[in-house]
Amino acid sequence: MIKKGIVSSADNLNKIARIYFPDMDNNLTYKLKIVENVGEINTGNVVLVAFWQQTVWQMVRL
């Protein structure tokens, strides 16, 4: 499943971010790993989050 969300916080050095989903009552994710080939991500960026399994998520900036 792929969902569109908004970056709540980002740690570009460690390639980790937290995302919220406005269409899901602003539910906030745990810390997610940012895909290696994505550049800097900032708070407020719109991103795609791919749910590969229940516990593995990857994110790509739009």
PDB file of N, CA and C in Angstrom:
ATOM      1  N   MET A   1       0.850  -1.171   0.000  1.00  0.00           N
ATOM      2  CA  MET A   1       0.000   0.000   0.000  1.00  0.00           C
ATOM      3  C   MET A   1       0.899   1.238   0.000  1.00  0.00           C
ATOM      4  N   ILE A   2       0.477   2.269  -0.711  1.00  0.00           N
ATOM      5  CA  ILE A   2       1.212   3.535  -0.753  1.00  0.00           C
ATOM      6  C   ILE A   2       0.291   4.645  -0.262  1.00  0.00           C
ATOM      7  N   LYS A   3       0.785   5.455   0.677  1.00  0.00           N
ATOM      8  CA  LYS A   3       0.008   6.571   1.239  1.00  0.00           C
ATOM      9  C   LYS A   3       0.793   7.866   1.092  1.00  0.00           C
ATOM     10  N   LYS A   4       0.074   8.966   0.876  1.00  0.00           N
ATOM     11  CA  LYS A   4       0.683  10.296   0.837  1.00  0.00           C
ATOM     12  C   LYS A   4       0.589  10.901   2.230  1.00  0.00           C
ATOM     13  N   GLY A   5       1.722  11.432   2.717  1.00  0.00           N
ATOM     14  CA  GLY A   5       1.749  12.040   4.039  1.00  0.00           C
ATOM     15  C   GLY A   5       2.596  13.297   4.044  1.00  0.00           C
ATOM     16  N   ILE A   6       2.741  13.896   5.218  1.00  0.00           N
ATOM     17  CA  ILE A   6       3.490  15.132   5.392  1.00  0.00           C
ATOM     18  C   ILE A   6       4.534  14.912   6.480  1.00  0.00           C
ATOM     19  N   VAL A   7       5.747  15.396   6.226  1.00  0.00           N
ATOM     20  CA  VAL A   7       6.845  15.217   7.181  1.00  0.00           C
ATOM     21  C   VAL A   7       6.578  16.040   8.433  1.00  0.00           C
ATOM     22  N   SER A   8       6.598  15.375   9.581  1.00  0.00           N
ATOM     23  CA  SER A   8       6.442  16.036  10.870  1.00  0.00           C
ATOM     24  C   SER A   8       7.805  16.440  11.426  1.00  0.00           C
ATOM     25  N   SER A   9       8.783  15.542  11.282  1.00  0.00           N
ATOM     26  CA  SER A   9      10.155  15.830  11.695  1.00  0.00           C
ATOM     27  C   SER A   9      11.091  14.972  10.857  1.00  0.00           C
ATOM     28  N   ALA A  10      12.317  15.472  10.653  1.00  0.00           N
ATOM     29  CA  ALA A  10      13.283  14.730   9.837  1.00  0.00           C
ATOM     30  C   ALA A  10      14.684  14.865  10.418  1.00  0.00           C
ATOM     31  N   ASP A  11      15.423  13.772  10.343  1.00  0.00           N
ATOM     32  CA  ASP A  11      16.835  13.725  10.718  1.00  0.00           C
ATOM     33  C   ASP A  11      17.575  13.257   9.471  1.00  0.00           C
ATOM     34  N   ASN A  12      18.046  14.208   8.661  1.00  0.00           N
ATOM     35  CA  ASN A  12      18.680  13.874   7.396  1.00  0.00           C
ATOM     36  C   ASN A  12      20.040  13.212   7.575  1.00  0.00           C
ATOM     37  N   LEU A  13      20.723  13.473   8.678  1.00  0.00           N
ATOM     38  CA  LEU A  13      22.015  12.849   8.928  1.00  0.00           C
ATOM     39  C   LEU A  13      21.863  11.337   9.102  1.00  0.00           C
ATOM     40  N   ASN A  14      20.845  10.933   9.857  1.00  0.00           N
ATOM     41  CA  ASN A  14      20.595   9.514  10.113  1.00  0.00           C
ATOM     42  C   ASN A  14      19.553   8.914   9.174  1.00  0.00           C
ATOM     43  N   LYS A  15      19.019   9.737   8.240  1.00  0.00           N
ATOM     44  CA  LYS A  15      18.033   9.303   7.239  1.00  0.00           C
ATOM     45  C   LYS A  15      16.790   8.699   7.902  1.00  0.00           C
ATOM     46  N   ILE A  16      16.211   9.463   8.859  1.00  0.00           N
ATOM     47  CA  ILE A  16      15.012   9.031   9.585  1.00  0.00           C
ATOM     48  C   ILE A  16      14.017  10.191   9.616  1.00  0.00           C
ATOM     49  N   ALA A  17      12.726   9.877   9.488  1.00  0.00           N
ATOM     50  CA  ALA A  17      11.697  10.916   9.558  1.00  0.00           C
ATOM     51  C   ALA A  17      10.432  10.348  10.192  1.00  0.00           C
ATOM     52  N   ARG A  18       9.592  11.262  10.662  1.00  0.00           N
ATOM     53  CA  ARG A  18       8.245  10.903  11.142  1.00  0.00           C
ATOM     54  C   ARG A  18       7.247  11.588  10.232  1.00  0.00           C
ATOM     55  N   ILE A  19       6.190  10.870   9.875  1.00  0.00           N
ATOM     56  CA  ILE A  19       5.214  11.334   8.898  1.00  0.00           C
ATOM     57  C   ILE A  19       3.830  11.291   9.519  1.00  0.00           C
ATOM     58  N   TYR A  20       2.993  12.297   9.165  1.00  0.00           N
ATOM     59  CA  TYR A  20       1.587  12.219   9.572  1.00  0.00           C
ATOM     60  C   TYR A  20       0.713  12.200   8.331  1.00  0.00           C
ATOM     61  N   PHE A  21      -0.472  11.621   8.497  1.00  0.00           N
ATOM     62  CA  PHE A  21      -1.403  11.432   7.389  1.00  0.00           C
ATOM     63  C   PHE A  21      -2.694  12.205   7.667  1.00  0.00           C
ATOM     64  N   PRO A  22      -2.890  13.351   6.991  1.00  0.00           N
ATOM     65  CA  PRO A  22      -4.085  14.165   7.227  1.00  0.00           C
ATOM     66  C   PRO A  22      -5.398  13.412   6.979  1.00  0.00           C
ATOM     67  N   ASP A  23      -5.392  12.472   6.029  1.00  0.00           N
ATOM     68  CA  ASP A  23      -6.617  11.733   5.718  1.00  0.00           C
ATOM     69  C   ASP A  23      -6.905  10.620   6.726  1.00  0.00           C
ATOM     70  N   MET A  24      -6.019  10.449   7.696  1.00  0.00           N
ATOM     71  CA  MET A  24      -6.201   9.435   8.740  1.00  0.00           C
ATOM     72  C   MET A  24      -6.164  10.095  10.119  1.00  0.00           C
ATOM     73  N   ASP A  25      -6.862  11.198  10.261  1.00  0.00           N
ATOM     74  CA  ASP A  25      -6.929  11.947  11.530  1.00  0.00           C
ATOM     75  C   ASP A  25      -5.547  12.357  12.031  1.00  0.00           C
ATOM     76  N   ASN A  26      -4.638  12.685  11.103  1.00  0.00           N
ATOM     77  CA  ASN A  26      -3.279  13.132  11.417  1.00  0.00           C
ATOM     78  C   ASN A  26      -2.480  12.112  12.224  1.00  0.00           C
ATOM     79  N   ASN A  27      -2.751  10.814  11.995  1.00  0.00           N
ATOM     80  CA  ASN A  27      -1.960   9.774  12.657  1.00  0.00           C
ATOM     81  C   ASN A  27      -0.486   9.969  12.334  1.00  0.00           C
ATOM     82  N   LEU A  28       0.362   9.809  13.338  1.00  0.00           N
ATOM     83  CA  LEU A  28       1.799  10.024  13.211  1.00  0.00           C
ATOM     84  C   LEU A  28       2.529   8.685  13.255  1.00  0.00           C
ATOM     85  N   THR A  29       3.470   8.481  12.329  1.00  0.00           N
ATOM     86  CA  THR A  29       4.241   7.237  12.299  1.00  0.00           C
ATOM     87  C   THR A  29       5.319   7.240  13.371  1.00  0.00           C
ATOM     88  N   TYR A  30       5.867   6.070  13.606  1.00  0.00           N
ATOM     89  CA  TYR A  30       7.112   5.963  14.355  1.00  0.00           C
ATOM     90  C   TYR A  30       8.213   6.496  13.449  1.00  0.00           C
ATOM     91  N   LYS A  31       9.450   6.461  13.883  1.00  0.00           N
ATOM     92  CA  LYS A  31      10.567   6.895  13.040  1.00  0.00           C
ATOM     93  C   LYS A  31      10.700   5.929  11.864  1.00  0.00           C
ATOM     94  N   LEU A  32      10.709   6.495  10.657  1.00  0.00           N
ATOM     95  CA  LEU A  32      10.833   5.701   9.441  1.00  0.00           C
ATOM     96  C   LEU A  32      12.162   5.981   8.761  1.00  0.00           C
ATOM     97  N   LYS A  33      12.728   4.965   8.146  1.00  0.00           N
ATOM     98  CA  LYS A  33      13.975   5.116   7.400  1.00  0.00           C
ATOM     99  C   LYS A  33      13.669   5.782   6.062  1.00  0.00           C
ATOM    100  N   ILE A  34      14.491   6.763   5.682  1.00  0.00           N
ATOM    101  CA  ILE A  34      14.356   7.455   4.400  1.00  0.00           C
ATOM    102  C   ILE A  34      15.152   6.677   3.358  1.00  0.00           C
ATOM    103  N   VAL A  35      14.585   6.483   2.196  1.00  0.00           N
ATOM    104  CA  VAL A  35      15.262   5.776   1.109  1.00  0.00           C
ATOM    105  C   VAL A  35      16.590   6.466   0.815  1.00  0.00           C
ATOM    106  N   GLU A  36      17.634   5.679   0.594  1.00  0.00           N
ATOM    107  CA  GLU A  36      18.994   6.200   0.437  1.00  0.00           C
ATOM    108  C   GLU A  36      19.165   7.219  -0.692  1.00  0.00           C
ATOM    109  N   ASN A  37      18.477   7.044  -1.814  1.00  0.00           N
ATOM    110  CA  ASN A  37      18.690   7.942  -2.955  1.00  0.00           C
ATOM    111  C   ASN A  37      17.886   9.237  -2.892  1.00  0.00           C
ATOM    112  N   VAL A  38      17.167   9.461  -1.789  1.00  0.00           N
ATOM    113  CA  VAL A  38      16.395  10.695  -1.606  1.00  0.00           C
ATOM    114  C   VAL A  38      17.294  11.731  -0.947  1.00  0.00           C
ATOM    115  N   GLY A  39      17.253  12.951  -1.449  1.00  0.00           N
ATOM    116  CA  GLY A  39      18.046  14.033  -0.868  1.00  0.00           C
ATOM    117  C   GLY A  39      17.476  14.479   0.470  1.00  0.00           C
ATOM    118  N   GLU A  40      17.693  15.731   0.803  1.00  0.00           N
ATOM    119  CA  GLU A  40      17.248  16.286   2.080  1.00  0.00           C
ATOM    120  C   GLU A  40      15.728  16.372   2.137  1.00  0.00           C
ATOM    121  N   ILE A  41      15.181  16.003   3.283  1.00  0.00           N
ATOM    122  CA  ILE A  41      13.738  16.094   3.532  1.00  0.00           C
ATOM    123  C   ILE A  41      13.532  17.074   4.675  1.00  0.00           C
ATOM    124  N   ASN A  42      12.535  17.947   4.536  1.00  0.00           N
ATOM    125  CA  ASN A  42      12.271  18.969   5.542  1.00  0.00           C
ATOM    126  C   ASN A  42      10.850  18.853   6.076  1.00  0.00           C
ATOM    127  N   THR A  43      10.634  19.381   7.271  1.00  0.00           N
ATOM    128  CA  THR A  43       9.305  19.419   7.858  1.00  0.00           C
ATOM    129  C   THR A  43       8.353  20.112   6.888  1.00  0.00           C
ATOM    130  N   GLY A  44       7.203  19.508   6.684  1.00  0.00           N
ATOM    131  CA  GLY A  44       6.198  20.074   5.786  1.00  0.00           C
ATOM    132  C   GLY A  44       6.237  19.511   4.380  1.00  0.00           C
ATOM    133  N   ASN A  45       7.324  18.795   3.994  1.00  0.00           N
ATOM    134  CA  ASN A  45       7.380  18.170   2.669  1.00  0.00           C
ATOM    135  C   ASN A  45       6.295  17.114   2.539  1.00  0.00           C
ATOM    136  N   VAL A  46       5.698  17.029   1.363  1.00  0.00           N
ATOM    137  CA  VAL A  46       4.755  15.963   1.058  1.00  0.00           C
ATOM    138  C   VAL A  46       5.573  14.772   0.568  1.00  0.00           C
ATOM    139  N   VAL A  47       5.280  13.588   1.114  1.00  0.00           N
ATOM    140  CA  VAL A  47       6.039  12.381   0.779  1.00  0.00           C
ATOM    141  C   VAL A  47       5.097  11.213   0.512  1.00  0.00           C
ATOM    142  N   LEU A  48       5.622  10.206  -0.162  1.00  0.00           N
ATOM    143  CA  LEU A  48       4.920   8.939  -0.321  1.00  0.00           C
ATOM    144  C   LEU A  48       5.545   7.935   0.620  1.00  0.00           C
ATOM    145  N   VAL A  49       4.698   7.176   1.316  1.00  0.00           N
ATOM    146  CA  VAL A  49       5.173   6.127   2.207  1.00  0.00           C
ATOM    147  C   VAL A  49       4.666   4.806   1.661  1.00  0.00           C
ATOM    148  N   ALA A  50       5.592   3.896   1.362  1.00  0.00           N
ATOM    149  CA  ALA A  50       5.233   2.572   0.850  1.00  0.00           C
ATOM    150  C   ALA A  50       5.262   1.577   2.005  1.00  0.00           C
ATOM    151  N   PHE A  51       4.154   0.904   2.219  1.00  0.00           N
ATOM    152  CA  PHE A  51       4.048  -0.120   3.255  1.00  0.00           C
ATOM    153  C   PHE A  51       4.318  -1.468   2.591  1.00  0.00           C
ATOM    154  N   TRP A  52       5.566  -1.953   2.697  1.00  0.00           N
ATOM    155  CA  TRP A  52       5.931  -3.226   2.063  1.00  0.00           C
ATOM    156  C   TRP A  52       5.422  -4.398   2.881  1.00  0.00           C
ATOM    157  N   GLN A  53       5.501  -4.290   4.194  1.00  0.00           N
ATOM    158  CA  GLN A  53       4.988  -5.284   5.131  1.00  0.00           C
ATOM    159  C   GLN A  53       4.416  -4.501   6.295  1.00  0.00           C
ATOM    160  N   GLN A  54       3.897  -5.178   7.278  1.00  0.00           N
ATOM    161  CA  GLN A  54       3.345  -4.470   8.422  1.00  0.00           C
ATOM    162  C   GLN A  54       4.405  -3.678   9.168  1.00  0.00           C
ATOM    163  N   THR A  55       5.652  -4.118   9.153  1.00  0.00           N
ATOM    164  CA  THR A  55       6.667  -3.465   9.967  1.00  0.00           C
ATOM    165  C   THR A  55       7.745  -2.759   9.152  1.00  0.00           C
ATOM    166  N   VAL A  56       7.677  -2.818   7.827  1.00  0.00           N
ATOM    167  CA  VAL A  56       8.721  -2.206   7.006  1.00  0.00           C
ATOM    168  C   VAL A  56       8.101  -1.140   6.120  1.00  0.00           C
ATOM    169  N   TRP A  57       8.500   0.115   6.309  1.00  0.00           N
ATOM    170  CA  TRP A  57       8.000   1.224   5.518  1.00  0.00           C
ATOM    171  C   TRP A  57       9.179   1.908   4.862  1.00  0.00           C
ATOM    172  N   GLN A  58       8.972   2.446   3.671  1.00  0.00           N
ATOM    173  CA  GLN A  58       9.983   3.239   3.007  1.00  0.00           C
ATOM    174  C   GLN A  58       9.306   4.526   2.526  1.00  0.00           C
ATOM    175  N   MET A  59      10.071   5.565   2.363  1.00  0.00           N
ATOM    176  CA  MET A  59       9.489   6.858   2.048  1.00  0.00           C
ATOM    177  C   MET A  59      10.227   7.522   0.902  1.00  0.00           C
ATOM    178  N   VAL A  60       9.466   8.197   0.050  1.00  0.00           N
ATOM    179  CA  VAL A  60      10.040   8.932  -1.078  1.00  0.00           C
ATOM    180  C   VAL A  60       9.401  10.320  -1.103  1.00  0.00           C
ATOM    181  N   ARG A  61      10.222  11.345  -1.265  1.00  0.00           N
ATOM    182  CA  ARG A  61       9.704  12.713  -1.337  1.00  0.00           C
ATOM    183  C   ARG A  61       9.073  12.941  -2.691  1.00  0.00           C
ATOM    184  N   LEU A  62       7.929  13.645  -2.716  1.00  0.00           N
ATOM    185  CA  LEU A  62       7.273  13.995  -3.986  1.00  0.00           C
ATOM    186  C   LEU A  62       7.937  15.172  -4.614  1.00  0.00           C
TER     187      LEU A  62
END
